[in-house]
Protein backbone atom coordinates (compact mmCIF):
# COMPACT_ATOMS: atom_id res chain seq x y z
CA MET A 1 51.60 120.70 -33.89
CA ALA A 2 55.11 119.62 -34.84
CA ASP A 3 55.63 116.08 -36.02
CA ALA A 4 56.99 113.60 -33.48
CA THR A 5 60.67 112.75 -33.75
CA PRO A 6 60.98 109.59 -35.88
CA SER A 7 62.26 106.46 -34.21
CA PHE A 8 65.55 104.84 -35.16
CA PRO A 9 63.87 101.98 -37.13
CA THR A 10 61.78 104.53 -39.03
CA LEU A 11 64.84 106.64 -39.83
CA LEU A 12 66.83 103.65 -41.05
CA GLN A 13 64.00 102.48 -43.30
CA ARG A 14 63.58 105.98 -44.74
CA PHE A 15 67.33 106.21 -45.27
CA PHE A 16 67.29 103.12 -47.48
CA ALA A 17 63.91 103.50 -49.17
CA GLU A 18 63.84 107.28 -49.73
CA HIS A 19 67.31 108.74 -49.33
CA LEU A 20 69.46 106.09 -51.03
CA ARG A 21 67.04 104.68 -53.61
CA GLN A 22 64.93 107.70 -54.56
CA GLN A 23 66.87 110.87 -53.71
CA ARG A 24 70.41 109.69 -54.43
CA ALA A 25 69.46 106.87 -56.84
CA VAL A 26 72.45 104.78 -55.81
CA SER A 27 73.12 101.48 -57.52
CA PRO A 28 71.85 98.14 -56.14
CA HIS A 29 75.47 97.20 -55.38
CA ALA A 30 75.86 100.27 -53.15
CA VAL A 31 72.55 99.57 -51.39
CA ALA A 32 73.71 96.01 -50.70
CA ALA A 33 77.00 97.28 -49.23
CA TYR A 34 75.16 99.71 -46.91
CA ARG A 35 72.71 96.98 -45.95
CA ASP A 36 75.48 94.56 -44.99
CA ALA A 37 77.17 97.23 -42.85
CA PHE A 38 74.00 97.84 -40.86
CA ARG A 39 73.16 94.17 -40.48
CA LEU A 40 76.55 93.65 -38.84
CA LEU A 41 76.17 96.78 -36.69
CA LEU A 42 72.67 95.89 -35.45
CA LEU A 43 73.68 92.33 -34.59
CA PHE A 44 76.71 93.66 -32.70
CA ALA A 45 74.58 96.21 -30.83
CA GLN A 46 72.08 93.52 -29.84
CA ALA A 47 74.84 91.36 -28.39
CA ARG A 48 76.56 94.28 -26.67
CA ILE A 49 73.69 96.21 -25.07
CA GLY A 50 70.92 93.63 -25.15
CA LYS A 51 68.48 95.58 -27.34
CA SER A 52 66.85 94.19 -30.44
CA PRO A 53 67.25 96.29 -33.61
CA THR A 54 63.67 97.64 -33.36
CA GLU A 55 64.29 98.76 -29.76
CA LEU A 56 67.43 100.75 -30.56
CA THR A 57 67.51 104.55 -30.47
CA LEU A 58 69.96 106.96 -32.05
CA ALA A 59 71.34 107.67 -28.59
CA ASP A 60 72.36 104.01 -28.35
CA LEU A 61 74.59 104.40 -31.41
CA ASP A 62 77.13 106.52 -29.59
CA ALA A 63 80.83 106.84 -30.35
CA THR A 64 81.72 104.16 -27.78
CA LEU A 65 79.49 101.59 -29.47
CA ILE A 66 80.66 102.50 -32.99
CA LEU A 67 84.34 102.30 -31.98
CA ALA A 68 83.73 98.94 -30.32
CA PHE A 69 81.99 97.73 -33.48
CA LEU A 70 84.91 98.81 -35.67
CA ASP A 71 87.33 97.08 -33.32
CA HIS A 72 85.14 93.95 -33.47
CA LEU A 73 85.33 93.98 -37.28
CA GLU A 74 89.12 94.03 -37.29
CA ARG A 75 89.86 91.76 -34.32
CA GLU A 76 87.14 89.14 -34.48
CA ARG A 77 85.93 89.20 -38.06
CA LYS A 78 89.47 89.82 -39.38
CA SER A 79 88.29 92.61 -41.67
CA SER A 80 90.92 94.71 -43.40
CA ALA A 81 91.33 98.43 -42.73
CA ARG A 82 89.69 99.08 -46.09
CA SER A 83 86.62 97.04 -45.13
CA ARG A 84 86.50 98.73 -41.73
CA ASN A 85 86.58 102.15 -43.39
CA ALA A 86 83.83 101.14 -45.84
CA ARG A 87 81.55 100.11 -42.94
CA LEU A 88 82.31 103.38 -41.17
CA SER A 89 81.46 105.36 -44.34
CA ALA A 90 78.05 103.67 -44.51
CA ILE A 91 77.35 104.54 -40.86
CA ARG A 92 78.50 108.13 -41.39
CA SER A 93 76.21 108.53 -44.37
CA PHE A 94 73.21 107.43 -42.30
CA LEU A 95 74.14 109.67 -39.36
CA LYS A 96 74.45 112.73 -41.61
CA TYR A 97 70.96 111.97 -42.91
CA ALA A 98 69.62 111.40 -39.37
CA ALA A 99 71.07 114.70 -38.14
CA HIS A 100 68.48 116.55 -40.22
CA GLU A 101 65.63 114.39 -38.92
CA ASP A 102 66.36 114.10 -35.18
CA LEU A 103 67.82 117.27 -33.66
CA THR A 104 67.79 115.74 -30.17
CA ALA A 105 70.59 113.34 -31.17
CA LEU A 106 72.93 115.95 -32.66
CA ALA A 107 75.50 115.73 -29.87
CA THR A 108 75.73 111.94 -30.20
CA ILE A 109 75.90 112.16 -33.98
CA GLU A 110 78.66 114.77 -33.96
CA ARG A 111 80.86 112.61 -31.73
CA CYS A 112 80.33 109.63 -34.04
CA LEU A 113 81.13 111.68 -37.13
CA ALA A 114 84.43 112.67 -35.52
CA ILE A 115 85.62 109.03 -35.64
CA PRO A 116 88.42 109.06 -38.25
CA GLN A 117 89.05 106.69 -41.11
CA LYS A 118 91.92 104.34 -40.41
CA ARG A 119 95.11 104.71 -42.40
CA HIS A 120 96.34 101.65 -44.24
CA ASP A 121 99.14 100.60 -46.53
CA LYS A 122 98.55 101.08 -50.22
CA VAL A 123 98.05 97.86 -52.10
CA VAL A 124 100.91 97.05 -54.45
CA LEU A 125 99.46 97.00 -57.94
CA GLY A 126 99.69 93.71 -59.75
CA PHE A 127 99.61 93.72 -63.54
CA LEU A 128 100.63 91.51 -66.42
CA THR A 129 103.14 91.96 -69.19
CA ARG A 130 101.86 92.16 -72.75
CA PRO A 131 103.00 88.59 -73.61
CA GLU A 132 101.30 87.29 -70.44
CA MET A 133 98.05 89.08 -71.25
CA GLU A 134 98.15 87.84 -74.82
CA ALA A 135 98.72 84.29 -73.57
CA ILE A 136 95.66 84.51 -71.31
CA ILE A 137 93.46 85.78 -74.13
CA ALA A 138 94.67 83.00 -76.44
CA ALA A 139 94.37 80.22 -73.84
CA PRO A 140 90.60 79.41 -73.87
CA ASP A 141 89.58 76.44 -76.00
CA ARG A 142 87.89 78.01 -79.03
CA GLY A 143 86.49 74.63 -79.99
CA THR A 144 83.91 74.95 -77.20
CA TRP A 145 81.07 77.43 -76.64
CA ALA A 146 82.39 78.37 -73.20
CA GLY A 147 85.92 78.82 -74.54
CA ARG A 148 84.77 81.21 -77.28
CA ARG A 149 82.77 83.18 -74.70
CA ASP A 150 85.73 83.36 -72.31
CA GLN A 151 88.10 84.58 -75.03
CA ALA A 152 85.66 87.34 -76.00
CA LEU A 153 85.10 88.20 -72.34
CA PHE A 154 88.80 88.50 -71.47
CA SER A 155 89.49 90.42 -74.69
CA LEU A 156 86.83 92.97 -73.77
CA LEU A 157 88.02 93.20 -70.15
CA TYR A 158 91.54 94.00 -71.35
CA ASN A 159 90.42 96.43 -74.07
CA THR A 160 88.10 98.43 -71.82
CA GLY A 161 89.71 98.02 -68.39
CA ALA A 162 86.17 97.44 -67.17
CA ARG A 163 85.12 96.25 -63.76
CA VAL A 164 83.70 92.73 -63.65
CA SER A 165 80.27 94.08 -62.66
CA GLU A 166 80.26 96.29 -65.75
CA VAL A 167 81.10 93.46 -68.15
CA ILE A 168 78.67 90.86 -66.80
CA ASP A 169 75.87 93.44 -67.02
CA LEU A 170 76.57 94.17 -70.69
CA LYS A 171 73.78 93.44 -73.16
CA VAL A 172 74.21 92.65 -76.83
CA GLY A 173 72.82 96.08 -77.70
CA ASP A 174 75.50 97.81 -75.59
CA VAL A 175 78.22 96.87 -78.09
CA LEU A 176 78.32 98.47 -81.55
CA LEU A 177 80.61 96.76 -84.05
CA ASP A 178 80.04 98.74 -87.25
CA VAL A 179 82.29 101.52 -88.58
CA SER A 180 83.56 102.74 -85.19
CA PRO A 181 83.31 99.82 -82.74
CA VAL A 182 82.46 100.90 -79.19
CA ALA A 183 81.22 99.41 -75.91
CA HIS A 184 78.79 101.36 -73.74
CA LEU A 185 79.52 100.51 -70.11
CA HIS A 186 77.30 101.17 -67.09
CA GLY A 187 79.65 102.05 -64.25
CA LYS A 188 79.51 102.98 -60.59
CA GLY A 189 76.88 105.49 -59.52
CA ARG A 190 74.83 104.77 -62.65
CA LYS A 191 77.44 106.60 -64.72
CA ARG A 192 77.84 105.53 -68.33
CA ARG A 193 80.91 105.71 -70.49
CA SER A 194 81.78 104.65 -74.00
CA VAL A 195 85.08 102.93 -74.70
CA PRO A 196 86.40 102.42 -78.26
CA LEU A 197 87.20 98.87 -79.26
CA TRP A 198 90.38 97.78 -80.94
CA ARG A 199 89.98 96.01 -84.29
CA ALA A 200 91.12 92.69 -82.85
CA THR A 201 88.57 92.97 -80.02
CA ALA A 202 85.79 93.88 -82.44
CA ALA A 203 86.64 90.90 -84.65
CA THR A 204 86.58 88.56 -81.64
CA LEU A 205 83.19 89.92 -80.56
CA ARG A 206 81.74 89.58 -84.06
CA HIS A 207 82.82 85.95 -84.12
CA TRP A 208 81.33 85.38 -80.66
CA LEU A 209 77.98 86.95 -81.53
CA ARG A 210 77.56 84.45 -84.33
CA HIS A 211 77.40 81.74 -81.66
CA LEU A 212 74.69 83.47 -79.60
CA GLN A 213 71.52 81.92 -80.95
CA ASP A 214 68.76 84.47 -81.64
CA ALA A 215 70.23 86.91 -79.12
CA GLY A 216 68.23 90.14 -79.06
CA PRO A 217 69.60 93.54 -77.97
CA GLN A 218 68.55 92.91 -74.35
CA ALA A 219 70.21 89.50 -74.09
CA TYR A 220 73.37 89.25 -72.00
CA LEU A 221 76.52 89.56 -74.09
CA PHE A 222 78.32 86.96 -71.96
CA PRO A 223 75.63 84.64 -70.57
CA SER A 224 76.05 81.53 -68.47
CA ASN A 225 75.41 78.11 -70.00
CA ALA A 226 71.80 78.52 -68.88
CA GLY A 227 71.49 81.87 -70.64
CA ARG A 228 71.47 83.89 -67.43
CA ARG A 229 73.78 86.60 -66.12
CA LEU A 230 77.25 85.39 -65.21
CA SER A 231 78.23 85.85 -61.58
CA ARG A 232 81.43 87.54 -60.45
CA SER A 233 82.62 84.28 -58.93
CA SER A 234 82.03 82.46 -62.23
CA VAL A 235 84.23 84.97 -64.07
CA ALA A 236 86.95 84.53 -61.44
CA GLN A 237 86.75 80.74 -61.75
CA ARG A 238 86.91 80.83 -65.55
CA LEU A 239 89.91 83.17 -65.39
CA ALA A 240 91.69 80.84 -62.94
CA LEU A 241 91.25 77.93 -65.35
CA THR A 242 92.48 80.07 -68.24
CA VAL A 243 95.56 81.23 -66.31
CA GLU A 244 96.34 77.62 -65.46
CA SER A 245 96.27 76.78 -69.15
CA ALA A 246 98.32 79.84 -70.14
CA ALA A 247 100.94 78.99 -67.51
CA ARG A 248 102.09 76.06 -69.64
CA HIS A 249 103.74 78.59 -71.95
CA HIS A 250 104.38 81.25 -69.29
CA PRO A 251 105.30 79.35 -66.08
CA LYS A 252 105.61 82.56 -64.04
CA LEU A 253 101.82 82.97 -64.26
CA SER A 254 101.37 80.00 -61.94
CA ASP A 255 103.11 81.94 -59.15
CA ARG A 256 100.85 84.98 -59.47
CA ALA A 257 97.52 85.81 -57.83
CA ILE A 258 95.54 86.94 -60.88
CA SER A 259 91.99 88.21 -60.61
CA PRO A 260 89.70 90.00 -63.09
CA HIS A 261 90.76 93.25 -61.41
CA THR A 262 94.37 92.44 -62.32
CA ILE A 263 93.33 92.78 -65.97
CA ARG A 264 91.93 96.25 -65.19
CA HIS A 265 95.27 97.25 -63.65
CA THR A 266 97.04 95.77 -66.68
CA THR A 267 95.00 97.87 -69.10
CA ALA A 268 95.81 101.05 -67.19
CA MET A 269 99.53 100.33 -67.01
CA HIS A 270 99.79 99.38 -70.68
CA LEU A 271 97.96 102.57 -71.70
CA LEU A 272 100.29 104.62 -69.48
CA GLN A 273 103.40 102.92 -70.85
CA SER A 274 102.13 103.59 -74.38
CA GLY A 275 102.12 107.32 -73.66
CA VAL A 276 98.39 107.83 -73.10
CA ASP A 277 97.69 110.86 -70.89
CA ILE A 278 96.65 110.06 -67.31
CA THR A 279 93.41 112.06 -67.64
CA VAL A 280 92.41 109.97 -70.67
CA ILE A 281 93.13 106.80 -68.71
CA ALA A 282 90.86 108.09 -65.92
CA LEU A 283 88.03 108.50 -68.43
CA TRP A 284 88.83 105.10 -69.95
CA LEU A 285 88.55 103.38 -66.56
CA GLY A 286 85.54 105.39 -65.41
CA HIS A 287 87.27 107.01 -62.43
CA GLU A 288 85.14 109.82 -61.03
CA ASP A 289 88.18 111.38 -59.36
CA PRO A 290 91.29 111.52 -61.59
CA SER A 291 93.48 111.33 -58.48
CA THR A 292 92.42 107.67 -58.22
CA THR A 293 94.29 107.03 -61.46
CA HIS A 294 97.53 108.47 -60.05
CA ILE A 295 98.31 105.13 -58.39
CA TYR A 296 99.24 103.84 -61.85
CA LEU A 297 101.55 106.80 -62.43
CA GLU A 298 103.20 106.17 -59.05
CA ALA A 299 103.59 102.47 -59.84
CA ASP A 300 105.18 103.27 -63.20
CA LEU A 301 107.60 105.75 -61.60
CA ALA A 302 108.55 103.17 -58.97
CA MET A 303 109.38 100.70 -61.73
CA LYS A 304 111.54 103.28 -63.49
CA GLU A 305 113.35 104.18 -60.27
CA GLU A 306 114.07 100.50 -59.62
CA ALA A 307 115.45 100.10 -63.13
CA LEU A 308 117.57 103.24 -62.72
CA SER A 309 119.01 101.97 -59.44
CA ARG A 310 120.44 98.99 -61.31
CA LEU A 311 122.39 101.33 -63.61
CA GLN A 312 124.65 102.87 -60.96
CA PRO A 313 128.23 103.45 -62.18
CA ILE A 314 130.44 100.45 -61.41
CA ALA A 315 133.12 102.61 -59.81
CA ALA A 316 130.71 104.36 -57.51
CA ALA A 317 131.03 102.93 -54.01
CA PRO A 318 127.69 102.76 -52.17
CA THR A 319 127.45 105.30 -49.37
CA ARG A 320 125.16 105.42 -46.39
CA TYR A 321 123.91 108.41 -44.44
CA ARG A 322 125.54 108.74 -41.02
CA PRO A 323 123.72 111.01 -38.53
CA PRO A 324 126.07 113.59 -36.95
CA ASP A 325 125.02 113.10 -33.30
CA GLN A 326 122.89 110.96 -30.95
CA LEU A 327 119.70 112.99 -31.35
CA MET A 328 119.92 112.77 -35.14
CA ALA A 329 120.64 109.05 -34.80
CA PHE A 330 117.51 108.66 -32.69
CA LEU A 331 115.38 110.48 -35.27
CA GLN A 332 116.93 108.50 -38.12
CA ALA A 333 116.06 105.22 -36.35
CA LEU A 334 112.34 106.07 -35.98
């Protein structure tokens, strides 16, 4: 006798416990993102149709409900289009899994999968000049334990272009400082990559390691004062304090919104401006798809075009396109 069709709660639990964790072996960060998406969706469904999460069926999660949920995210929770699309991706992933487990819900699932991602404006990349980045690295107070840690941390962030999650997870044994210094990073999707360290970065790290008392290979490279793993928010707070200090010598820094991810963008742009091939930069940053790295190439070209526009011949009078008739004028005005 064929097995009974699994209920929605059973499918969702299998999706997380078996599909994501065991079959796909996704990272804990990805699991948490999927979890948050479904917590929001189930709470919305309960308020909208009056069913508790355990009473829901796949048929309840129709396109009308999903679209209303996405609209709720943007209008009431003030989520960005990027966040809305991320929630939709999590739902899509579950529905694709459920389609193989519950054939009776295929029609509902197909309509939900047809919901498109929302287009959004590309974020303008923010990055620092070399003097600004050097000022930030030099700003921490090296007379304190926390200051020495922060200088080593920001030096490594700039050298590797690493994500914050990658750096705070680093262990002492992940960094080799002998003949050919290198940092072994654990990136998204459990992917690992090795990034060479500049001599200045290696020297800073050697100096920092001397201040880690009896730190074994499995100890965190950049621990908190209590010896535990630093949080992302702690890194952001320490960077804000450092930028405030560096702004005394570079006042323009005080007018900028600078995050740890800004340092990642800075690394990519400085590598590009130094003539490093875009495919090498993709490997350096740990981009799975090299097309992701093209945003830096586009940003660099935009800067060059802006600079070129300032070099127009003095005698050249600026001209403006004039459409030849009303229909062309209408199209031009769109």
